[in-house]
Amino acid sequence: MFTGIITAVGRVGAVARKSGGLRLRIESGGLRLGDVAVGDSISVNGICLTVVARKARSFEADVSQETLDCTSDFNLGARVNLEKSLRLADRVGGHFVSGHVDGVGTVTRVRRVGANRVITVKAPARLARYIARKGSVTLNGVSLTVNDVNGAGFSVNLIPHTLAATNLGQLGARHKVNLEVDMLARYIERLRANR
């Protein structure tokens, strides 16, 4: 479980094919790994990955084919948002984020509004119904508030801090983003379907 408040931006340092998926080496950037053990979870661009090896400034994680099928690509050298898993004593500054990416959205527009940027994203049709104005959504692991919804498209407002502290500042039209919808919306739909 995560909060969607990014604590560091790292980089994909190595990508190796292996049976059933990939093995990644993530350079941790400013993320301190001293308290991270093999078996711990770290959100990498919104994907909950299990640490399988750790060094002082990097960690390795295996990515299954299932995860690869519903997330954006891992390109060598790509900047990735990082967050350690939530501890019970931590503040929840964003919203509850599972790290189970629902699909990939496509940025359709980036518009400057003063020092902010308004990003419009087209969600896959099967996920659009879970996205509501003033609701929560996660893009590349970042907890955001939905400003507006229009069909399968929605917009979020990125403040200067978010632009500087995450990889969202480098987004442009046609970029892909890992998308996790609010888990409460999914559970409510499941409960309604079982009635």
N, C-alpha and C. Protein backbone atom coordinates (compact mmCIF):
# COMPACT_ATOMS: atom_id res chain seq x y z
N MET A 1 0.85 -1.18 0.00
CA MET A 1 0.00 0.00 0.00
C MET A 1 0.90 1.24 0.00
N PHE A 2 0.47 2.23 -0.76
CA PHE A 2 1.24 3.47 -0.92
C PHE A 2 0.30 4.66 -0.76
N THR A 3 0.87 5.87 -0.81
CA THR A 3 0.06 7.08 -0.68
C THR A 3 0.01 7.90 -1.96
N GLY A 4 0.90 7.60 -2.91
CA GLY A 4 0.97 8.40 -4.12
C GLY A 4 1.76 9.68 -3.96
N ILE A 5 2.47 9.81 -2.83
CA ILE A 5 3.36 10.96 -2.62
C ILE A 5 4.77 10.48 -2.93
N ILE A 6 5.31 10.92 -4.04
CA ILE A 6 6.60 10.44 -4.53
C ILE A 6 7.72 11.01 -3.66
N THR A 7 8.66 10.14 -3.28
CA THR A 7 9.77 10.58 -2.43
C THR A 7 11.07 10.74 -3.19
N ALA A 8 11.16 10.19 -4.40
CA ALA A 8 12.38 10.33 -5.20
C ALA A 8 12.08 9.95 -6.64
N VAL A 9 12.91 10.44 -7.53
CA VAL A 9 12.87 10.01 -8.92
C VAL A 9 14.17 9.25 -9.19
N GLY A 10 14.03 8.00 -9.61
CA GLY A 10 15.18 7.18 -9.94
C GLY A 10 15.29 6.99 -11.44
N ARG A 11 16.07 5.98 -11.83
CA ARG A 11 16.31 5.73 -13.24
C ARG A 11 16.41 4.23 -13.47
N VAL A 12 15.88 3.76 -14.60
CA VAL A 12 16.03 2.36 -14.97
C VAL A 12 17.48 2.16 -15.40
N GLY A 13 18.24 1.40 -14.59
CA GLY A 13 19.67 1.21 -14.85
C GLY A 13 19.98 -0.01 -15.68
N ALA A 14 19.11 -1.01 -15.68
CA ALA A 14 19.32 -2.23 -16.48
C ALA A 14 17.99 -2.92 -16.67
N VAL A 15 17.84 -3.54 -17.84
CA VAL A 15 16.65 -4.32 -18.18
C VAL A 15 17.14 -5.63 -18.76
N ALA A 16 16.75 -6.75 -18.15
CA ALA A 16 17.16 -8.06 -18.64
C ALA A 16 15.93 -8.94 -18.83
N ARG A 17 15.83 -9.55 -20.00
CA ARG A 17 14.76 -10.52 -20.26
C ARG A 17 15.01 -11.76 -19.44
N LYS A 18 13.94 -12.30 -18.90
CA LYS A 18 14.03 -13.58 -18.21
C LYS A 18 12.73 -14.32 -18.45
N SER A 19 12.73 -15.58 -18.15
CA SER A 19 11.55 -16.40 -18.38
C SER A 19 10.36 -15.81 -17.62
N GLY A 20 9.30 -15.48 -18.34
CA GLY A 20 8.09 -14.97 -17.71
C GLY A 20 8.08 -13.48 -17.46
N GLY A 21 9.10 -12.73 -17.95
CA GLY A 21 9.08 -11.29 -17.73
C GLY A 21 10.43 -10.63 -17.84
N LEU A 22 10.68 -9.68 -16.94
CA LEU A 22 11.92 -8.90 -16.94
C LEU A 22 12.53 -8.87 -15.54
N ARG A 23 13.81 -8.62 -15.49
CA ARG A 23 14.50 -8.24 -14.24
C ARG A 23 15.01 -6.82 -14.47
N LEU A 24 14.61 -5.92 -13.56
CA LEU A 24 15.03 -4.52 -13.64
C LEU A 24 16.03 -4.19 -12.55
N ARG A 25 16.97 -3.33 -12.88
CA ARG A 25 17.78 -2.68 -11.85
C ARG A 25 17.39 -1.22 -11.84
N ILE A 26 16.94 -0.74 -10.71
CA ILE A 26 16.50 0.64 -10.55
C ILE A 26 17.54 1.39 -9.73
N GLU A 27 18.10 2.44 -10.31
CA GLU A 27 18.99 3.34 -9.57
C GLU A 27 18.09 4.25 -8.74
N SER A 28 18.33 4.28 -7.44
CA SER A 28 17.36 4.85 -6.51
C SER A 28 17.35 6.37 -6.40
N GLY A 29 18.27 7.07 -7.05
CA GLY A 29 18.28 8.53 -6.95
C GLY A 29 18.37 8.95 -5.50
N GLY A 30 17.43 9.78 -5.05
CA GLY A 30 17.43 10.26 -3.67
C GLY A 30 16.70 9.35 -2.69
N LEU A 31 16.21 8.21 -3.14
CA LEU A 31 15.49 7.30 -2.24
C LEU A 31 16.50 6.54 -1.40
N ARG A 32 16.44 6.70 -0.11
CA ARG A 32 17.36 6.00 0.80
C ARG A 32 16.92 4.56 0.97
N LEU A 33 17.86 3.65 0.77
CA LEU A 33 17.53 2.23 0.80
C LEU A 33 18.03 1.52 2.06
N GLY A 34 18.56 2.26 3.02
CA GLY A 34 19.13 1.64 4.22
C GLY A 34 18.16 0.77 4.99
N ASP A 35 16.88 1.12 4.98
CA ASP A 35 15.88 0.35 5.72
C ASP A 35 15.09 -0.60 4.82
N VAL A 36 15.51 -0.75 3.57
CA VAL A 36 14.83 -1.62 2.61
C VAL A 36 15.50 -3.00 2.61
N ALA A 37 14.68 -4.04 2.73
CA ALA A 37 15.19 -5.41 2.73
C ALA A 37 14.63 -6.16 1.53
N VAL A 38 15.31 -7.24 1.15
CA VAL A 38 14.78 -8.11 0.12
C VAL A 38 13.40 -8.57 0.57
N GLY A 39 12.42 -8.49 -0.33
CA GLY A 39 11.04 -8.83 0.00
C GLY A 39 10.16 -7.62 0.23
N ASP A 40 10.75 -6.45 0.46
CA ASP A 40 9.96 -5.23 0.63
C ASP A 40 9.40 -4.77 -0.70
N SER A 41 8.36 -3.95 -0.63
CA SER A 41 7.73 -3.41 -1.84
C SER A 41 8.13 -1.96 -2.04
N ILE A 42 8.37 -1.60 -3.29
CA ILE A 42 8.63 -0.21 -3.68
C ILE A 42 7.78 0.06 -4.92
N SER A 43 7.11 1.22 -4.92
CA SER A 43 6.34 1.63 -6.08
C SER A 43 7.30 2.25 -7.09
N VAL A 44 7.29 1.70 -8.31
CA VAL A 44 8.12 2.20 -9.41
C VAL A 44 7.16 2.64 -10.51
N ASN A 45 7.02 3.95 -10.68
CA ASN A 45 6.04 4.50 -11.63
C ASN A 45 4.65 3.96 -11.37
N GLY A 46 4.32 3.76 -10.10
CA GLY A 46 2.99 3.31 -9.71
C GLY A 46 2.82 1.82 -9.65
N ILE A 47 3.87 1.06 -9.97
CA ILE A 47 3.79 -0.39 -9.97
C ILE A 47 4.43 -0.93 -8.70
N CYS A 48 3.69 -1.69 -7.93
CA CYS A 48 4.22 -2.29 -6.71
C CYS A 48 5.15 -3.43 -7.11
N LEU A 49 6.44 -3.23 -6.88
CA LEU A 49 7.44 -4.25 -7.20
C LEU A 49 8.13 -4.73 -5.94
N THR A 50 8.48 -6.01 -5.92
CA THR A 50 9.16 -6.62 -4.78
C THR A 50 10.67 -6.55 -5.00
N VAL A 51 11.37 -6.05 -4.00
CA VAL A 51 12.83 -5.98 -4.06
C VAL A 51 13.39 -7.40 -3.96
N VAL A 52 14.18 -7.81 -4.98
CA VAL A 52 14.79 -9.14 -4.96
C VAL A 52 16.29 -9.08 -4.72
N ALA A 53 16.88 -7.91 -4.85
CA ALA A 53 18.30 -7.69 -4.53
C ALA A 53 18.47 -6.20 -4.27
N ARG A 54 19.43 -5.86 -3.41
CA ARG A 54 19.63 -4.45 -3.07
C ARG A 54 21.11 -4.15 -2.88
N LYS A 55 21.51 -3.00 -3.38
CA LYS A 55 22.83 -2.44 -3.12
C LYS A 55 22.61 -1.09 -2.46
N ALA A 56 23.66 -0.35 -2.21
CA ALA A 56 23.55 0.92 -1.51
C ALA A 56 22.69 1.93 -2.27
N ARG A 57 22.80 1.96 -3.60
CA ARG A 57 22.10 2.99 -4.38
C ARG A 57 21.23 2.42 -5.50
N SER A 58 20.92 1.13 -5.42
CA SER A 58 20.05 0.54 -6.43
C SER A 58 19.39 -0.71 -5.87
N PHE A 59 18.33 -1.13 -6.54
CA PHE A 59 17.68 -2.38 -6.18
C PHE A 59 17.21 -3.06 -7.45
N GLU A 60 16.96 -4.36 -7.34
CA GLU A 60 16.46 -5.13 -8.47
C GLU A 60 15.07 -5.65 -8.15
N ALA A 61 14.27 -5.79 -9.21
CA ALA A 61 12.91 -6.30 -9.06
C ALA A 61 12.56 -7.08 -10.32
N ASP A 62 11.76 -8.14 -10.13
CA ASP A 62 11.26 -8.91 -11.26
C ASP A 62 9.88 -8.38 -11.64
N VAL A 63 9.63 -8.32 -12.94
CA VAL A 63 8.35 -7.84 -13.46
C VAL A 63 7.74 -8.97 -14.28
N SER A 64 6.56 -9.40 -13.87
CA SER A 64 5.90 -10.52 -14.55
C SER A 64 5.30 -10.07 -15.88
N GLN A 65 4.99 -11.02 -16.74
CA GLN A 65 4.36 -10.71 -18.02
C GLN A 65 2.99 -10.06 -17.80
N GLU A 66 2.26 -10.49 -16.79
CA GLU A 66 0.96 -9.87 -16.47
C GLU A 66 1.13 -8.38 -16.22
N THR A 67 2.15 -8.00 -15.45
CA THR A 67 2.41 -6.59 -15.18
C THR A 67 2.82 -5.87 -16.45
N LEU A 68 3.66 -6.49 -17.25
CA LEU A 68 4.09 -5.87 -18.52
C LEU A 68 2.91 -5.64 -19.45
N ASP A 69 1.92 -6.53 -19.39
CA ASP A 69 0.75 -6.41 -20.28
C ASP A 69 -0.14 -5.22 -19.94
N CYS A 70 -0.10 -4.74 -18.70
CA CYS A 70 -1.02 -3.64 -18.33
C CYS A 70 -0.30 -2.38 -17.86
N THR A 71 0.99 -2.24 -18.20
CA THR A 71 1.74 -1.03 -17.81
C THR A 71 2.50 -0.51 -19.02
N SER A 72 3.04 0.70 -18.87
CA SER A 72 3.85 1.27 -19.95
C SER A 72 5.24 0.63 -19.93
N ASP A 73 5.99 0.86 -20.99
CA ASP A 73 7.29 0.21 -21.17
C ASP A 73 8.32 0.66 -20.14
N PHE A 74 9.26 -0.24 -19.87
CA PHE A 74 10.43 0.09 -19.06
C PHE A 74 11.60 0.29 -20.01
N ASN A 75 11.93 1.52 -20.28
CA ASN A 75 13.04 1.82 -21.19
C ASN A 75 14.30 2.10 -20.39
N LEU A 76 15.40 1.57 -20.85
CA LEU A 76 16.69 1.80 -20.21
C LEU A 76 16.94 3.30 -20.11
N GLY A 77 17.29 3.77 -18.93
CA GLY A 77 17.56 5.18 -18.71
C GLY A 77 16.35 6.02 -18.36
N ALA A 78 15.14 5.44 -18.45
CA ALA A 78 13.93 6.21 -18.17
C ALA A 78 13.89 6.66 -16.71
N ARG A 79 13.39 7.87 -16.49
CA ARG A 79 13.18 8.36 -15.13
C ARG A 79 11.90 7.74 -14.58
N VAL A 80 11.96 7.26 -13.33
CA VAL A 80 10.81 6.61 -12.71
C VAL A 80 10.54 7.19 -11.33
N ASN A 81 9.25 7.36 -11.01
CA ASN A 81 8.84 7.83 -9.69
C ASN A 81 8.95 6.69 -8.70
N LEU A 82 9.48 6.98 -7.50
CA LEU A 82 9.70 5.96 -6.48
C LEU A 82 9.03 6.35 -5.17
N GLU A 83 8.45 5.35 -4.51
CA GLU A 83 7.88 5.52 -3.17
C GLU A 83 7.98 4.20 -2.43
N LYS A 84 8.47 4.25 -1.20
CA LYS A 84 8.48 3.05 -0.34
C LYS A 84 7.05 2.78 0.13
N SER A 85 6.81 1.54 0.51
CA SER A 85 5.47 1.18 0.97
C SER A 85 5.13 1.91 2.27
N LEU A 86 3.85 2.09 2.46
CA LEU A 86 3.30 2.80 3.61
C LEU A 86 3.50 2.00 4.89
N ARG A 87 3.92 2.70 5.95
CA ARG A 87 3.97 2.09 7.28
C ARG A 87 2.79 2.61 8.09
N LEU A 88 2.34 1.86 9.06
CA LEU A 88 1.14 2.25 9.81
C LEU A 88 1.27 3.60 10.49
N ALA A 89 2.45 4.04 10.83
CA ALA A 89 2.63 5.32 11.52
C ALA A 89 2.76 6.49 10.55
N ASP A 90 2.80 6.23 9.23
CA ASP A 90 3.00 7.29 8.25
C ASP A 90 1.73 8.12 8.02
N ARG A 91 1.94 9.35 7.60
CA ARG A 91 0.83 10.20 7.17
C ARG A 91 0.40 9.77 5.78
N VAL A 92 -0.89 9.89 5.52
CA VAL A 92 -1.41 9.61 4.18
C VAL A 92 -1.68 10.96 3.53
N GLY A 93 -0.68 11.46 2.79
CA GLY A 93 -0.81 12.78 2.18
C GLY A 93 -1.56 12.76 0.87
N GLY A 94 -1.63 11.62 0.22
CA GLY A 94 -2.34 11.51 -1.05
C GLY A 94 -3.63 10.76 -0.84
N HIS A 95 -3.72 9.56 -1.40
CA HIS A 95 -4.85 8.66 -1.15
C HIS A 95 -4.29 7.24 -1.13
N PHE A 96 -5.09 6.27 -0.73
CA PHE A 96 -4.60 4.90 -0.69
C PHE A 96 -4.40 4.39 -2.11
N VAL A 97 -3.17 3.97 -2.39
CA VAL A 97 -2.77 3.50 -3.71
C VAL A 97 -2.25 2.08 -3.54
N SER A 98 -2.79 1.15 -4.32
CA SER A 98 -2.39 -0.25 -4.16
C SER A 98 -1.10 -0.59 -4.89
N GLY A 99 -0.78 0.15 -5.95
CA GLY A 99 0.36 -0.21 -6.77
C GLY A 99 0.03 -1.27 -7.80
N HIS A 100 -1.26 -1.56 -7.96
CA HIS A 100 -1.74 -2.51 -8.96
C HIS A 100 -2.30 -1.69 -10.12
N VAL A 101 -1.47 -1.41 -11.09
CA VAL A 101 -1.84 -0.55 -12.20
C VAL A 101 -2.99 -1.18 -12.98
N ASP A 102 -4.00 -0.36 -13.29
CA ASP A 102 -5.19 -0.85 -13.99
C ASP A 102 -5.02 -0.83 -15.50
N GLY A 103 -4.18 0.05 -16.00
CA GLY A 103 -3.99 0.16 -17.44
C GLY A 103 -3.11 1.34 -17.78
N VAL A 104 -2.99 1.59 -19.08
CA VAL A 104 -2.13 2.66 -19.57
C VAL A 104 -3.01 3.74 -20.21
N GLY A 105 -2.81 4.97 -19.76
CA GLY A 105 -3.48 6.11 -20.36
C GLY A 105 -2.54 6.81 -21.33
N THR A 106 -3.12 7.64 -22.19
CA THR A 106 -2.33 8.38 -23.17
C THR A 106 -2.56 9.87 -22.96
N VAL A 107 -1.47 10.62 -22.81
CA VAL A 107 -1.57 12.07 -22.68
C VAL A 107 -2.02 12.63 -24.03
N THR A 108 -3.09 13.41 -24.02
CA THR A 108 -3.60 13.99 -25.27
C THR A 108 -3.30 15.48 -25.37
N ARG A 109 -3.04 16.12 -24.22
CA ARG A 109 -2.78 17.56 -24.25
C ARG A 109 -2.06 17.98 -22.98
N VAL A 110 -1.14 18.92 -23.13
CA VAL A 110 -0.47 19.55 -22.00
C VAL A 110 -0.61 21.06 -22.21
N ARG A 111 -1.18 21.71 -21.21
CA ARG A 111 -1.44 23.15 -21.32
C ARG A 111 -0.87 23.86 -20.11
N ARG A 112 -0.11 24.92 -20.35
CA ARG A 112 0.44 25.73 -19.26
C ARG A 112 -0.64 26.68 -18.74
N VAL A 113 -0.75 26.74 -17.41
CA VAL A 113 -1.64 27.70 -16.76
C VAL A 113 -0.80 28.35 -15.66
N GLY A 114 -0.22 29.50 -15.98
CA GLY A 114 0.73 30.12 -15.07
C GLY A 114 1.93 29.19 -14.89
N ALA A 115 2.28 28.92 -13.64
CA ALA A 115 3.40 28.01 -13.35
C ALA A 115 2.96 26.55 -13.34
N ASN A 116 1.66 26.31 -13.45
CA ASN A 116 1.12 24.95 -13.43
C ASN A 116 1.01 24.40 -14.85
N ARG A 117 0.74 23.09 -14.92
CA ARG A 117 0.41 22.46 -16.20
C ARG A 117 -0.84 21.63 -16.01
N VAL A 118 -1.77 21.78 -16.93
CA VAL A 118 -2.97 20.95 -16.93
C VAL A 118 -2.73 19.86 -17.98
N ILE A 119 -2.80 18.62 -17.52
CA ILE A 119 -2.55 17.47 -18.38
C ILE A 119 -3.87 16.76 -18.61
N THR A 120 -4.18 16.52 -19.88
CA THR A 120 -5.37 15.75 -20.23
C THR A 120 -4.92 14.37 -20.67
N VAL A 121 -5.60 13.36 -20.13
CA VAL A 121 -5.25 11.96 -20.37
C VAL A 121 -6.48 11.23 -20.88
N LYS A 122 -6.30 10.39 -21.87
CA LYS A 122 -7.37 9.51 -22.32
C LYS A 122 -7.17 8.16 -21.66
N ALA A 123 -8.17 7.73 -20.91
CA ALA A 123 -8.12 6.45 -20.22
C ALA A 123 -8.67 5.36 -21.13
N PRO A 124 -8.26 4.12 -20.93
CA PRO A 124 -8.92 3.03 -21.66
C PRO A 124 -10.41 3.04 -21.32
N ALA A 125 -11.26 2.73 -22.29
CA ALA A 125 -12.72 2.80 -22.12
C ALA A 125 -13.18 2.01 -20.90
N ARG A 126 -12.58 0.86 -20.64
CA ARG A 126 -13.02 0.03 -19.52
C ARG A 126 -12.73 0.67 -18.16
N LEU A 127 -11.83 1.66 -18.11
CA LEU A 127 -11.48 2.32 -16.84
C LEU A 127 -12.16 3.68 -16.68
N ALA A 128 -12.63 4.26 -17.77
CA ALA A 128 -13.16 5.62 -17.72
C ALA A 128 -14.30 5.78 -16.72
N ARG A 129 -15.12 4.76 -16.55
CA ARG A 129 -16.27 4.88 -15.65
C ARG A 129 -15.87 5.04 -14.18
N TYR A 130 -14.61 4.71 -13.85
CA TYR A 130 -14.15 4.83 -12.47
C TYR A 130 -13.56 6.21 -12.16
N ILE A 131 -13.47 7.06 -13.15
CA ILE A 131 -12.82 8.36 -12.97
C ILE A 131 -13.88 9.43 -12.85
N ALA A 132 -13.88 10.14 -11.73
CA ALA A 132 -14.91 11.13 -11.45
C ALA A 132 -14.27 12.49 -11.11
N ARG A 133 -14.95 13.55 -11.51
CA ARG A 133 -14.50 14.91 -11.17
C ARG A 133 -14.35 15.03 -9.65
N LYS A 134 -13.22 15.56 -9.24
CA LYS A 134 -12.83 15.74 -7.83
C LYS A 134 -12.52 14.41 -7.13
N GLY A 135 -12.47 13.33 -7.89
CA GLY A 135 -12.04 12.05 -7.35
C GLY A 135 -10.53 11.92 -7.43
N SER A 136 -10.02 10.80 -6.96
CA SER A 136 -8.58 10.55 -6.98
C SER A 136 -8.22 9.63 -8.13
N VAL A 137 -7.03 9.86 -8.67
CA VAL A 137 -6.47 9.01 -9.71
C VAL A 137 -4.96 9.00 -9.50
N THR A 138 -4.31 7.95 -9.97
CA THR A 138 -2.86 7.84 -9.85
C THR A 138 -2.25 7.75 -11.24
N LEU A 139 -1.32 8.66 -11.54
CA LEU A 139 -0.58 8.63 -12.80
C LEU A 139 0.89 8.40 -12.48
N ASN A 140 1.47 7.34 -13.02
CA ASN A 140 2.86 6.98 -12.74
C ASN A 140 3.16 6.98 -11.25
N GLY A 141 2.18 6.57 -10.46
CA GLY A 141 2.36 6.47 -9.01
C GLY A 141 2.07 7.74 -8.24
N VAL A 142 1.70 8.83 -8.91
CA VAL A 142 1.46 10.12 -8.26
C VAL A 142 -0.03 10.27 -7.98
N SER A 143 -0.38 10.52 -6.72
CA SER A 143 -1.77 10.76 -6.33
C SER A 143 -2.19 12.14 -6.81
N LEU A 144 -3.28 12.19 -7.58
CA LEU A 144 -3.76 13.45 -8.14
C LEU A 144 -5.27 13.55 -8.01
N THR A 145 -5.78 14.78 -8.04
CA THR A 145 -7.21 15.04 -8.03
C THR A 145 -7.66 15.31 -9.45
N VAL A 146 -8.73 14.68 -9.85
CA VAL A 146 -9.29 14.87 -11.20
C VAL A 146 -10.00 16.22 -11.24
N ASN A 147 -9.62 17.07 -12.19
CA ASN A 147 -10.26 18.38 -12.33
C ASN A 147 -11.51 18.33 -13.17
N ASP A 148 -11.46 17.56 -14.26
CA ASP A 148 -12.56 17.56 -15.21
C ASP A 148 -12.59 16.20 -15.90
N VAL A 149 -13.78 15.78 -16.31
CA VAL A 149 -13.95 14.52 -17.03
C VAL A 149 -14.79 14.80 -18.27
N ASN A 150 -14.37 14.23 -19.40
CA ASN A 150 -15.12 14.37 -20.64
C ASN A 150 -15.01 13.03 -21.39
N GLY A 151 -16.02 12.18 -21.24
CA GLY A 151 -15.96 10.84 -21.83
C GLY A 151 -14.84 10.04 -21.20
N ALA A 152 -13.95 9.51 -22.02
CA ALA A 152 -12.81 8.74 -21.51
C ALA A 152 -11.63 9.64 -21.17
N GLY A 153 -11.76 10.94 -21.44
CA GLY A 153 -10.68 11.88 -21.13
C GLY A 153 -10.90 12.54 -19.78
N PHE A 154 -9.80 12.85 -19.12
CA PHE A 154 -9.86 13.58 -17.86
C PHE A 154 -8.63 14.46 -17.74
N SER A 155 -8.72 15.49 -16.90
CA SER A 155 -7.58 16.39 -16.73
C SER A 155 -7.21 16.51 -15.26
N VAL A 156 -5.92 16.74 -15.05
CA VAL A 156 -5.37 16.98 -13.72
C VAL A 156 -4.49 18.22 -13.79
N ASN A 157 -4.36 18.91 -12.68
CA ASN A 157 -3.55 20.12 -12.60
C ASN A 157 -2.29 19.79 -11.83
N LEU A 158 -1.13 20.01 -12.44
CA LEU A 158 0.14 19.74 -11.80
C LEU A 158 0.77 21.04 -11.33
N ILE A 159 0.98 21.14 -10.02
CA ILE A 159 1.60 22.34 -9.44
C ILE A 159 3.11 22.27 -9.63
N PRO A 160 3.83 23.38 -9.47
CA PRO A 160 5.28 23.37 -9.67
C PRO A 160 6.02 22.31 -8.85
N HIS A 161 5.60 22.08 -7.60
CA HIS A 161 6.27 21.06 -6.79
C HIS A 161 6.16 19.68 -7.43
N THR A 162 4.97 19.32 -7.89
CA THR A 162 4.77 18.02 -8.53
C THR A 162 5.59 17.92 -9.82
N LEU A 163 5.64 18.99 -10.58
CA LEU A 163 6.43 19.00 -11.81
C LEU A 163 7.91 18.78 -11.53
N ALA A 164 8.41 19.35 -10.42
CA ALA A 164 9.83 19.24 -10.09
C ALA A 164 10.18 17.93 -9.38
N ALA A 165 9.25 17.40 -8.59
CA ALA A 165 9.56 16.25 -7.72
C ALA A 165 9.19 14.90 -8.32
N THR A 166 8.61 14.89 -9.54
CA THR A 166 8.19 13.64 -10.17
C THR A 166 8.62 13.65 -11.64
N ASN A 167 8.34 12.57 -12.33
CA ASN A 167 8.65 12.54 -13.76
C ASN A 167 7.50 13.06 -14.62
N LEU A 168 6.44 13.57 -14.00
CA LEU A 168 5.29 14.07 -14.77
C LEU A 168 5.61 15.36 -15.53
N GLY A 169 6.62 16.10 -15.09
CA GLY A 169 7.00 17.33 -15.76
C GLY A 169 7.55 17.11 -17.15
N GLN A 170 7.96 15.89 -17.46
CA GLN A 170 8.51 15.62 -18.80
C GLN A 170 7.46 15.10 -19.78
N LEU A 171 6.19 15.02 -19.33
CA LEU A 171 5.14 14.47 -20.19
C LEU A 171 4.76 15.44 -21.31
N GLY A 172 4.48 14.86 -22.46
CA GLY A 172 3.97 15.61 -23.60
C GLY A 172 2.88 14.78 -24.26
N ALA A 173 2.25 15.35 -25.27
CA ALA A 173 1.20 14.63 -25.99
C ALA A 173 1.74 13.31 -26.53
N ARG A 174 0.93 12.28 -26.43
CA ARG A 174 1.19 10.91 -26.88
C ARG A 174 2.05 10.10 -25.90
N HIS A 175 2.54 10.71 -24.81
CA HIS A 175 3.24 9.91 -23.80
C HIS A 175 2.25 8.97 -23.12
N LYS A 176 2.74 7.82 -22.72
CA LYS A 176 1.94 6.83 -22.01
C LYS A 176 2.19 6.98 -20.51
N VAL A 177 1.13 6.77 -19.71
CA VAL A 177 1.24 6.84 -18.25
C VAL A 177 0.55 5.64 -17.62
N ASN A 178 1.14 5.13 -16.55
CA ASN A 178 0.50 4.07 -15.78
C ASN A 178 -0.64 4.68 -15.00
N LEU A 179 -1.80 4.05 -15.08
CA LEU A 179 -3.03 4.60 -14.52
C LEU A 179 -3.61 3.63 -13.51
N GLU A 180 -3.85 4.12 -12.30
CA GLU A 180 -4.57 3.34 -11.29
C GLU A 180 -5.77 4.17 -10.85
N VAL A 181 -6.95 3.61 -11.01
CA VAL A 181 -8.16 4.31 -10.59
C VAL A 181 -8.34 4.12 -9.08
N ASP A 182 -9.20 4.94 -8.52
CA ASP A 182 -9.45 4.88 -7.08
C ASP A 182 -10.03 3.51 -6.70
N MET A 183 -9.42 2.86 -5.75
CA MET A 183 -9.85 1.50 -5.40
C MET A 183 -11.27 1.46 -4.84
N LEU A 184 -11.72 2.53 -4.20
CA LEU A 184 -13.09 2.53 -3.67
C LEU A 184 -14.11 2.41 -4.79
N ALA A 185 -13.85 3.07 -5.92
CA ALA A 185 -14.78 2.98 -7.05
C ALA A 185 -14.88 1.55 -7.57
N ARG A 186 -13.77 0.84 -7.60
CA ARG A 186 -13.79 -0.55 -8.08
C ARG A 186 -14.60 -1.44 -7.13
N TYR A 187 -14.41 -1.24 -5.82
CA TYR A 187 -15.13 -2.06 -4.85
C TYR A 187 -16.62 -1.77 -4.86
N ILE A 188 -16.98 -0.50 -5.01
CA ILE A 188 -18.40 -0.16 -5.07
C ILE A 188 -19.06 -0.81 -6.28
N GLU A 189 -18.38 -0.78 -7.43
CA GLU A 189 -18.95 -1.42 -8.61
C GLU A 189 -19.10 -2.92 -8.40
N ARG A 190 -18.13 -3.55 -7.78
CA ARG A 190 -18.19 -5.00 -7.55
C ARG A 190 -19.36 -5.33 -6.61
N LEU A 191 -19.55 -4.54 -5.58
CA LEU A 191 -20.67 -4.77 -4.65
C LEU A 191 -22.01 -4.60 -5.37
N ARG A 192 -22.11 -3.58 -6.21
CA ARG A 192 -23.35 -3.36 -6.96
C ARG A 192 -23.62 -4.51 -7.93
N ALA A 193 -22.58 -5.05 -8.56
CA ALA A 193 -22.75 -6.11 -9.53
C ALA A 193 -23.23 -7.42 -8.85
N ASN A 194 -22.88 -7.59 -7.59
CA ASN A 194 -23.26 -8.81 -6.88
C ASN A 194 -24.65 -8.72 -6.25
N ARG A 195 -25.34 -7.60 -6.37
CA ARG A 195 -26.68 -7.45 -5.79
C ARG A 195 -27.73 -8.06 -6.66
